[in-house]
N, C-alpha and C. Protein backbone atom coordinates (compact mmCIF):
# COMPACT_ATOMS: atom_id res chain seq x y z
N UNK A 1 0.89 -1.22 0.01
CA UNK A 1 -0.06 -0.06 -0.03
C UNK A 1 0.89 1.24 -0.03
N UNK A 2 0.35 2.30 -0.58
CA UNK A 2 1.09 3.50 -0.66
C UNK A 2 0.35 4.64 0.14
N UNK A 3 1.19 5.49 0.63
CA UNK A 3 0.65 6.68 1.26
C UNK A 3 0.46 7.80 0.24
N UNK A 4 -0.79 8.12 -0.20
CA UNK A 4 -1.12 8.99 -1.25
C UNK A 4 -1.72 10.36 -0.77
N UNK A 5 -1.29 11.26 -1.54
CA UNK A 5 -1.92 12.72 -1.39
C UNK A 5 -1.86 13.28 -0.03
N UNK A 6 -0.61 13.30 0.45
CA UNK A 6 -0.33 13.80 1.80
C UNK A 6 0.33 15.28 1.56
N UNK A 7 -0.38 16.30 2.13
CA UNK A 7 0.19 17.71 1.97
C UNK A 7 0.74 18.03 3.36
N UNK A 8 1.94 18.60 3.35
CA UNK A 8 2.57 19.09 4.48
C UNK A 8 2.88 20.59 4.29
N UNK A 9 2.68 21.32 5.31
CA UNK A 9 2.84 22.83 5.05
C UNK A 9 3.92 23.31 6.11
N UNK A 10 4.79 24.14 5.65
CA UNK A 10 5.81 24.70 6.59
C UNK A 10 6.32 26.09 6.07
N UNK A 11 6.80 26.90 6.99
CA UNK A 11 7.30 28.24 6.69
C UNK A 11 8.55 28.35 6.03
N UNK A 12 9.32 27.21 6.17
CA UNK A 12 10.72 27.35 5.45
C UNK A 12 11.19 25.99 5.15
N UNK A 13 12.37 25.84 4.45
CA UNK A 13 12.87 24.62 4.06
C UNK A 13 13.22 23.79 5.20
N UNK A 14 13.74 24.26 6.32
CA UNK A 14 14.09 23.48 7.47
C UNK A 14 12.88 22.71 8.04
N UNK A 15 11.79 23.41 8.18
CA UNK A 15 10.55 22.85 8.76
C UNK A 15 10.08 21.79 7.77
N UNK A 16 10.13 21.96 6.42
CA UNK A 16 9.64 20.95 5.50
C UNK A 16 10.53 19.73 5.55
N UNK A 17 11.85 19.83 5.73
CA UNK A 17 12.63 18.76 5.84
C UNK A 17 12.32 17.93 7.18
N UNK A 18 12.11 18.62 8.25
CA UNK A 18 11.76 17.98 9.49
C UNK A 18 10.46 17.24 9.36
N UNK A 19 9.51 17.87 8.74
CA UNK A 19 8.27 17.25 8.55
C UNK A 19 8.27 16.00 7.56
N UNK A 20 9.22 16.16 6.46
CA UNK A 20 9.42 15.05 5.68
C UNK A 20 9.98 13.84 6.41
N UNK A 21 11.01 13.98 7.21
CA UNK A 21 11.57 13.02 8.05
C UNK A 21 10.57 12.25 8.87
N UNK A 22 9.71 13.10 9.46
CA UNK A 22 8.62 12.59 10.38
C UNK A 22 7.64 11.71 9.56
N UNK A 23 7.26 12.26 8.37
CA UNK A 23 6.46 11.40 7.50
C UNK A 23 7.09 10.12 7.04
N UNK A 24 8.33 10.06 6.77
CA UNK A 24 8.98 8.85 6.35
C UNK A 24 9.04 7.81 7.43
N UNK A 25 9.27 8.28 8.79
CA UNK A 25 9.23 7.39 9.87
C UNK A 25 7.85 6.77 10.07
N UNK A 26 6.84 7.62 10.00
CA UNK A 26 5.54 7.23 10.30
C UNK A 26 5.13 6.20 9.17
N UNK A 27 5.36 6.52 7.99
CA UNK A 27 4.92 5.56 6.86
C UNK A 27 5.61 4.29 7.10
N UNK A 28 6.81 4.22 7.38
CA UNK A 28 7.54 2.95 7.62
C UNK A 28 6.96 2.28 8.83
N UNK A 29 6.56 2.86 9.82
CA UNK A 29 6.06 2.21 11.03
C UNK A 29 4.76 1.46 10.66
N UNK A 30 3.81 2.08 9.81
CA UNK A 30 2.54 1.43 9.49
C UNK A 30 2.72 0.62 8.16
N UNK A 31 3.88 0.38 7.74
CA UNK A 31 4.18 -0.45 6.60
C UNK A 31 3.63 0.01 5.38
N UNK A 32 3.62 1.26 5.05
CA UNK A 32 3.28 1.87 3.79
C UNK A 32 4.41 2.18 3.04
N UNK A 33 4.15 2.44 1.65
CA UNK A 33 5.32 2.83 0.92
C UNK A 33 5.22 4.25 0.29
N UNK A 34 6.23 4.86 -0.06
CA UNK A 34 6.23 6.18 -0.69
C UNK A 34 6.71 6.06 -2.09
N UNK A 35 5.93 6.52 -3.08
CA UNK A 35 6.38 6.48 -4.28
C UNK A 35 7.33 7.59 -4.68
N UNK A 36 8.62 7.31 -4.77
CA UNK A 36 9.63 8.27 -4.92
C UNK A 36 9.45 9.16 -6.17
N UNK A 37 8.85 8.60 -7.21
CA UNK A 37 8.68 9.36 -8.43
C UNK A 37 7.52 10.55 -8.31
N UNK A 38 6.69 10.39 -7.31
CA UNK A 38 5.66 11.33 -7.14
C UNK A 38 5.75 12.32 -6.10
N UNK A 39 6.91 12.44 -5.47
CA UNK A 39 7.05 13.35 -4.35
C UNK A 39 7.35 14.79 -4.87
N UNK A 40 6.49 15.73 -4.50
CA UNK A 40 6.61 17.05 -5.01
C UNK A 40 6.38 18.04 -3.93
N UNK A 41 6.91 19.28 -4.16
CA UNK A 41 6.60 20.30 -3.20
C UNK A 41 6.25 21.65 -3.98
N UNK A 42 5.51 22.48 -3.42
CA UNK A 42 5.09 23.81 -4.07
C UNK A 42 5.30 24.86 -3.00
N UNK A 43 5.73 26.05 -3.43
CA UNK A 43 5.77 27.18 -2.51
C UNK A 43 4.58 28.05 -2.86
N UNK A 44 3.90 28.27 -1.79
CA UNK A 44 2.76 29.25 -1.79
C UNK A 44 2.90 30.29 -0.79
N UNK A 45 3.40 31.49 -1.38
CA UNK A 45 3.70 32.52 -0.52
C UNK A 45 3.89 33.82 -1.28
N UNK A 46 3.29 34.87 -0.89
CA UNK A 46 3.45 36.19 -1.46
C UNK A 46 4.77 36.63 -1.21
N UNK A 47 5.28 36.40 -0.02
CA UNK A 47 6.61 36.98 0.37
C UNK A 47 7.83 36.27 -0.38
N UNK A 48 7.67 35.03 -0.66
CA UNK A 48 8.74 34.33 -1.41
C UNK A 48 8.61 34.19 -2.87
N UNK A 49 7.65 34.93 -3.47
CA UNK A 49 7.26 34.69 -4.89
C UNK A 49 8.49 35.02 -5.81
N UNK A 50 9.22 36.01 -5.53
CA UNK A 50 10.46 36.30 -6.41
C UNK A 50 11.70 35.73 -6.00
N UNK A 51 11.76 34.96 -4.88
CA UNK A 51 12.97 34.18 -4.56
C UNK A 51 13.16 32.94 -5.34
N UNK A 52 14.42 32.69 -5.68
CA UNK A 52 14.72 31.44 -6.39
C UNK A 52 14.55 30.20 -5.43
N UNK A 53 13.72 29.41 -5.91
CA UNK A 53 13.42 28.17 -5.00
C UNK A 53 14.24 26.94 -5.72
N UNK A 54 14.61 26.06 -4.83
CA UNK A 54 15.36 24.85 -5.22
C UNK A 54 14.54 24.02 -6.09
N UNK A 55 15.10 23.27 -7.05
CA UNK A 55 14.36 22.38 -7.88
C UNK A 55 14.04 21.09 -7.05
N UNK A 56 14.85 20.77 -6.25
CA UNK A 56 14.77 19.55 -5.37
C UNK A 56 15.11 19.86 -3.95
N UNK A 57 14.22 19.15 -3.05
CA UNK A 57 14.58 19.23 -1.60
C UNK A 57 14.84 17.79 -1.32
N UNK A 58 15.94 17.39 -0.76
CA UNK A 58 16.27 16.12 -0.33
C UNK A 58 16.07 15.92 1.16
N UNK A 59 15.29 14.70 1.35
CA UNK A 59 15.04 14.23 2.72
C UNK A 59 15.37 12.86 2.78
N UNK A 60 16.54 12.57 3.50
CA UNK A 60 17.07 11.17 3.51
C UNK A 60 17.28 10.77 2.14
N UNK A 61 16.74 9.53 1.67
CA UNK A 61 16.93 9.06 0.37
C UNK A 61 15.90 9.60 -0.69
N UNK A 62 14.89 10.40 -0.20
CA UNK A 62 13.81 10.85 -0.93
C UNK A 62 14.14 12.28 -1.54
N UNK A 63 13.60 12.56 -2.80
CA UNK A 63 13.79 13.87 -3.32
C UNK A 63 12.47 14.41 -3.65
N UNK A 64 12.09 15.56 -3.12
CA UNK A 64 11.00 16.28 -3.43
C UNK A 64 11.11 17.21 -4.60
N UNK A 65 10.45 17.07 -5.71
CA UNK A 65 10.55 17.82 -6.93
C UNK A 65 9.76 19.12 -6.82
N UNK A 66 10.18 20.31 -7.23
CA UNK A 66 9.45 21.58 -7.09
C UNK A 66 8.41 21.49 -8.28
N UNK A 67 7.20 22.01 -7.91
CA UNK A 67 6.06 22.19 -8.89
C UNK A 67 5.89 23.70 -9.05
N UNK A 68 5.72 24.08 -10.27
CA UNK A 68 5.54 25.57 -10.56
C UNK A 68 4.16 25.67 -11.12
N UNK A 69 3.45 26.63 -10.54
CA UNK A 69 2.03 26.95 -11.05
C UNK A 69 1.99 28.36 -11.50
């Protein structure tokens, strides 16, 4: 079984990484899988709109790809 459509919100990259680590540990405890090809993140902020965002945020062996809308 896979853990699908989970949204995590955080104010900065450090918080997102901490939450990602927590998610990974929780998913492993309940014996679910994470599809590494579908991990994505999006920045939703008026303050950070013009800042360059990273294409990928790495959390352990997982890579969250940036989505642009």
